[in-house]
């Protein structure tokens, strides 16, 4: 098993660019979304184009990659490796994992492709992939890595939404709630541990929301800042506004004394930003898997 060549296949829910994946030799699949009945994905639309179209869209719908797209990508990758670890968008947010299991039950993929229910999204997924690379470097096989991840993967992500309009467009809140929230400058904080995002608090103003997210982080680690030395990583996820992301990064450094170089800043995938809009900022807590 250790002598087999293993490659990693992800989708754009990771927030990673095609250029980064090409550099690392990861496979990547674009997750489709509809803006007023026009289909796009992170791989065929730029960030600026995306937010321009998102602003004008009246209808927003996100989806999973088709069976045909996933099947074709797996066949392509297996030409240059023995096994594939496929990490589709977390099962808590999509049925892509279940679709992957159905696809890989075919004899063509059996004992060659391992679909992983990893329960991460955005910046924590980058951390997880780095963890997987370490496991591969230690000679672990695809099946073993899948079992370890599904048993031990743990992350928490809190995001603050700047504007209710996009939650309304995506059907997450009604028009009255959106209007009142915007007028009162209310910023909802949403939370996920790999499942669906749910509201956990509302604050007046972005900076208050930043502080509240870091309160949640500190509570999750039981106030033990030493855990950032070896057990946890804390990163920033954002949409469009890098200045706000860097402000949050500095707050993390000041509050938890984490080296700035150890705080990753990554864009939220467009399938998430479809529903949250620009100026979304997230605090992402990843627990290292030790092998």
Foldseek 3Di string as FASTA:
>chain_A
DLPWFEAEEEECLQQDAPVVCVVVVHHYHFWWKDFQNDIDTPHRADQVRLQVSLVPGLAIGTAGDDLVRVLVSVVVPVVPTQAYEYEYQAPQVYCVLVSVVVSCVDPVNPPHYDYANQLDGYNLVVVVVVLVVVVSVVRDDNVVSRVLRNVDWWKKKKKKFQAQPLLCNHVNDDPVVRVVCNVQQKIFIWMGGSHDTDTDDIDRHDVVVLVVQVVVVCVVVVVPLCCCVAWKAKEKEFRDDVVVRVVSLVVCCVPSVDPSVRYYYGYRGVSVCSRRPHPMMMIMMTTRRDD
